[in-house]
């Protein structure tokens, strides 16, 4: 199997993760599998230092569910009612 990077890969900064943590982790729970949900749970419980460690370990994972994605938009819409 060959994996290639694409230029349309979502990007997420740590500041965005901190600002939208509840929406991003909600999207991870709603649309991710059990591993993604476990990372979301850890992120919700993490202090800023450990949240940064999770972000450094899984930046692409958080980006997949972050601002600008369908997952994020769906969860944001649900929270806004």
N, C-alpha and C. Protein backbone atom coordinates (compact mmCIF):
# COMPACT_ATOMS: atom_id res chain seq x y z
N UNK A 1 0.84 -1.17 0.00
CA UNK A 1 0.00 0.00 0.00
C UNK A 1 0.89 1.24 0.00
N UNK A 2 0.57 2.17 -0.84
CA UNK A 2 1.31 3.41 -0.92
C UNK A 2 0.42 4.56 -0.47
N UNK A 3 0.93 5.33 0.45
CA UNK A 3 0.20 6.51 0.92
C UNK A 3 0.86 7.75 0.36
N UNK A 4 0.07 8.65 -0.15
CA UNK A 4 0.62 9.88 -0.68
C UNK A 4 -0.05 11.06 -0.01
N UNK A 5 0.69 12.12 0.18
CA UNK A 5 0.15 13.34 0.77
C UNK A 5 -0.56 14.14 -0.31
N UNK A 6 -1.60 14.83 0.09
CA UNK A 6 -2.31 15.69 -0.84
C UNK A 6 -2.24 17.13 -0.34
N UNK A 7 -2.35 18.06 -1.25
CA UNK A 7 -2.27 19.46 -0.87
C UNK A 7 -3.57 19.95 -0.24
N UNK A 8 -4.67 19.19 -0.36
CA UNK A 8 -5.94 19.61 0.20
C UNK A 8 -6.15 19.07 1.62
N UNK A 9 -5.09 18.64 2.25
CA UNK A 9 -5.14 18.11 3.59
C UNK A 9 -5.59 19.21 4.56
N UNK A 10 -6.54 18.91 5.45
CA UNK A 10 -6.98 19.94 6.39
C UNK A 10 -5.86 20.33 7.35
N UNK A 11 -5.84 21.56 7.72
CA UNK A 11 -4.83 22.08 8.66
C UNK A 11 -5.54 22.58 9.90
N UNK A 12 -4.90 22.43 11.03
CA UNK A 12 -5.46 22.88 12.30
C UNK A 12 -4.33 23.36 13.17
N UNK A 13 -4.50 24.51 13.80
CA UNK A 13 -3.50 25.01 14.73
C UNK A 13 -3.89 24.59 16.14
N UNK A 14 -2.93 24.63 17.05
CA UNK A 14 -3.23 24.29 18.44
C UNK A 14 -4.20 25.30 19.04
N UNK A 15 -4.09 26.57 18.66
CA UNK A 15 -5.03 27.58 19.15
C UNK A 15 -6.46 27.27 18.70
N UNK A 16 -6.62 26.81 17.48
CA UNK A 16 -7.96 26.42 17.01
C UNK A 16 -8.48 25.21 17.79
N UNK A 17 -7.60 24.26 18.07
CA UNK A 17 -8.02 23.11 18.86
C UNK A 17 -8.49 23.57 20.23
N UNK A 18 -7.76 24.46 20.86
CA UNK A 18 -8.16 24.96 22.18
C UNK A 18 -9.48 25.72 22.10
N UNK A 19 -9.66 26.53 21.06
CA UNK A 19 -10.88 27.33 20.93
C UNK A 19 -12.12 26.47 20.64
N UNK A 20 -11.96 25.46 19.82
CA UNK A 20 -13.10 24.64 19.38
C UNK A 20 -13.06 23.22 19.93
N UNK A 21 -12.38 23.02 21.05
CA UNK A 21 -12.18 21.67 21.57
C UNK A 21 -13.48 20.90 21.74
N UNK A 22 -14.51 21.54 22.29
CA UNK A 22 -15.76 20.81 22.52
C UNK A 22 -16.43 20.39 21.21
N UNK A 23 -16.33 21.23 20.17
CA UNK A 23 -16.92 20.86 18.87
C UNK A 23 -16.09 19.80 18.15
N UNK A 24 -14.78 19.95 18.19
CA UNK A 24 -13.91 18.97 17.53
C UNK A 24 -14.04 17.60 18.19
N UNK A 25 -14.00 17.56 19.51
CA UNK A 25 -14.12 16.28 20.19
C UNK A 25 -15.53 15.70 20.03
N UNK A 26 -16.53 16.56 19.94
CA UNK A 26 -17.89 16.09 19.65
C UNK A 26 -17.98 15.44 18.28
N UNK A 27 -17.32 16.05 17.29
CA UNK A 27 -17.29 15.48 15.95
C UNK A 27 -16.52 14.16 15.93
N UNK A 28 -15.44 14.10 16.70
CA UNK A 28 -14.67 12.86 16.78
C UNK A 28 -15.52 11.73 17.36
N UNK A 29 -16.30 12.05 18.41
CA UNK A 29 -17.18 11.05 19.01
C UNK A 29 -18.28 10.62 18.05
N UNK A 30 -18.86 11.59 17.36
CA UNK A 30 -20.00 11.31 16.48
C UNK A 30 -19.60 10.55 15.22
N UNK A 31 -18.44 10.83 14.67
CA UNK A 31 -18.09 10.29 13.36
C UNK A 31 -16.87 9.37 13.35
N UNK A 32 -16.11 9.35 14.42
CA UNK A 32 -14.92 8.51 14.45
C UNK A 32 -15.22 7.14 15.02
N UNK A 33 -14.26 6.28 14.92
CA UNK A 33 -14.37 4.94 15.50
C UNK A 33 -13.99 4.96 16.98
N UNK A 34 -13.80 3.78 17.53
CA UNK A 34 -13.51 3.68 18.96
C UNK A 34 -12.16 4.31 19.33
N UNK A 35 -11.16 4.17 18.47
CA UNK A 35 -9.86 4.79 18.76
C UNK A 35 -9.98 6.31 18.76
N UNK A 36 -10.63 6.86 17.76
CA UNK A 36 -10.81 8.31 17.65
C UNK A 36 -11.61 8.82 18.84
N UNK A 37 -12.63 8.09 19.23
CA UNK A 37 -13.44 8.48 20.38
C UNK A 37 -12.61 8.47 21.66
N UNK A 38 -11.72 7.53 21.79
CA UNK A 38 -10.84 7.47 22.97
C UNK A 38 -9.89 8.67 23.02
N UNK A 39 -9.36 9.06 21.87
CA UNK A 39 -8.50 10.24 21.81
C UNK A 39 -9.31 11.49 22.15
N UNK A 40 -10.55 11.56 21.67
CA UNK A 40 -11.42 12.69 21.99
C UNK A 40 -11.67 12.77 23.48
N UNK A 41 -11.93 11.65 24.11
CA UNK A 41 -12.17 11.62 25.55
C UNK A 41 -10.92 12.10 26.30
N UNK A 42 -9.76 11.64 25.89
CA UNK A 42 -8.52 12.08 26.52
C UNK A 42 -8.31 13.58 26.33
N UNK A 43 -8.63 14.09 25.14
CA UNK A 43 -8.47 15.52 24.86
C UNK A 43 -9.40 16.36 25.73
N UNK A 44 -10.62 15.90 25.93
CA UNK A 44 -11.57 16.65 26.78
C UNK A 44 -11.09 16.73 28.22
N UNK A 45 -10.43 15.70 28.69
CA UNK A 45 -9.98 15.64 30.08
C UNK A 45 -8.59 16.23 30.29
N UNK A 46 -7.89 16.50 29.22
CA UNK A 46 -6.49 16.92 29.31
C UNK A 46 -6.34 18.37 29.77
N UNK A 47 -5.31 18.61 30.57
CA UNK A 47 -4.92 19.97 30.86
C UNK A 47 -4.20 20.51 29.62
N UNK A 48 -3.93 21.82 29.56
CA UNK A 48 -3.32 22.38 28.34
C UNK A 48 -2.02 21.69 27.91
N UNK A 49 -1.20 21.31 28.86
CA UNK A 49 0.06 20.66 28.52
C UNK A 49 -0.17 19.29 27.87
N UNK A 50 -1.07 18.51 28.42
CA UNK A 50 -1.34 17.20 27.85
C UNK A 50 -2.16 17.29 26.57
N UNK A 51 -3.01 18.31 26.47
CA UNK A 51 -3.72 18.53 25.20
C UNK A 51 -2.72 18.80 24.09
N UNK A 52 -1.69 19.60 24.39
CA UNK A 52 -0.65 19.88 23.40
C UNK A 52 0.08 18.60 23.00
N UNK A 53 0.35 17.73 23.98
CA UNK A 53 1.01 16.46 23.67
C UNK A 53 0.15 15.61 22.75
N UNK A 54 -1.16 15.56 23.00
CA UNK A 54 -2.07 14.81 22.12
C UNK A 54 -2.07 15.42 20.71
N UNK A 55 -2.11 16.75 20.65
CA UNK A 55 -2.11 17.44 19.36
C UNK A 55 -0.83 17.15 18.58
N UNK A 56 0.30 17.13 19.28
CA UNK A 56 1.57 16.82 18.62
C UNK A 56 1.61 15.38 18.11
N UNK A 57 0.98 14.48 18.85
CA UNK A 57 0.99 13.06 18.46
C UNK A 57 0.02 12.77 17.32
N UNK A 58 -1.12 13.49 17.27
CA UNK A 58 -2.18 13.19 16.30
C UNK A 58 -2.70 14.44 15.58
N UNK A 59 -1.85 15.27 15.01
CA UNK A 59 -2.34 16.51 14.38
C UNK A 59 -3.32 16.26 13.24
N UNK A 60 -3.05 15.26 12.42
CA UNK A 60 -3.94 14.97 11.29
C UNK A 60 -5.29 14.45 11.76
N UNK A 61 -5.28 13.70 12.84
CA UNK A 61 -6.53 13.16 13.38
C UNK A 61 -7.45 14.30 13.83
N UNK A 62 -6.92 15.25 14.58
CA UNK A 62 -7.72 16.39 15.01
C UNK A 62 -8.17 17.24 13.83
N UNK A 63 -7.31 17.40 12.84
CA UNK A 63 -7.64 18.22 11.67
C UNK A 63 -8.80 17.65 10.87
N UNK A 64 -8.90 16.34 10.81
CA UNK A 64 -9.98 15.69 10.04
C UNK A 64 -11.35 16.08 10.58
N UNK A 65 -11.42 16.39 11.88
CA UNK A 65 -12.70 16.71 12.51
C UNK A 65 -12.81 18.20 12.88
N UNK A 66 -11.86 19.01 12.46
CA UNK A 66 -11.80 20.41 12.84
C UNK A 66 -12.55 21.35 11.92
N UNK A 67 -12.41 22.65 12.18
CA UNK A 67 -13.09 23.68 11.37
C UNK A 67 -12.81 23.50 9.88
N UNK A 68 -13.85 23.71 9.09
CA UNK A 68 -13.72 23.57 7.65
C UNK A 68 -14.07 22.19 7.14
N UNK A 69 -14.39 21.27 8.06
CA UNK A 69 -14.77 19.92 7.64
C UNK A 69 -16.27 19.73 7.79
N UNK A 70 -16.79 18.78 7.07
CA UNK A 70 -18.21 18.45 7.16
C UNK A 70 -18.57 17.97 8.57
N UNK A 71 -17.68 17.19 9.18
CA UNK A 71 -17.94 16.68 10.53
C UNK A 71 -18.11 17.83 11.52
N UNK A 72 -17.20 18.79 11.45
CA UNK A 72 -17.25 19.94 12.35
C UNK A 72 -18.53 20.74 12.11
N UNK A 73 -18.85 20.98 10.84
CA UNK A 73 -20.05 21.76 10.50
C UNK A 73 -21.32 21.09 11.00
N UNK A 74 -21.41 19.78 10.87
CA UNK A 74 -22.59 19.05 11.35
C UNK A 74 -22.75 19.18 12.86
N UNK A 75 -21.67 19.01 13.60
CA UNK A 75 -21.73 19.10 15.05
C UNK A 75 -22.02 20.53 15.49
N UNK A 76 -21.39 21.50 14.83
CA UNK A 76 -21.64 22.91 15.17
C UNK A 76 -23.12 23.25 14.95
N UNK A 77 -23.67 22.81 13.85
CA UNK A 77 -25.08 23.05 13.55
C UNK A 77 -25.98 22.41 14.62
N UNK A 78 -25.64 21.23 15.06
CA UNK A 78 -26.42 20.54 16.10
C UNK A 78 -26.35 21.27 17.44
N UNK A 79 -25.16 21.79 17.78
CA UNK A 79 -25.01 22.53 19.03
C UNK A 79 -25.77 23.86 18.99
N UNK A 80 -25.80 24.48 17.83
CA UNK A 80 -26.47 25.78 17.70
C UNK A 80 -27.99 25.63 17.67
N UNK A 81 -28.43 24.42 17.41
CA UNK A 81 -29.86 24.12 17.41
C UNK A 81 -30.56 24.63 16.24
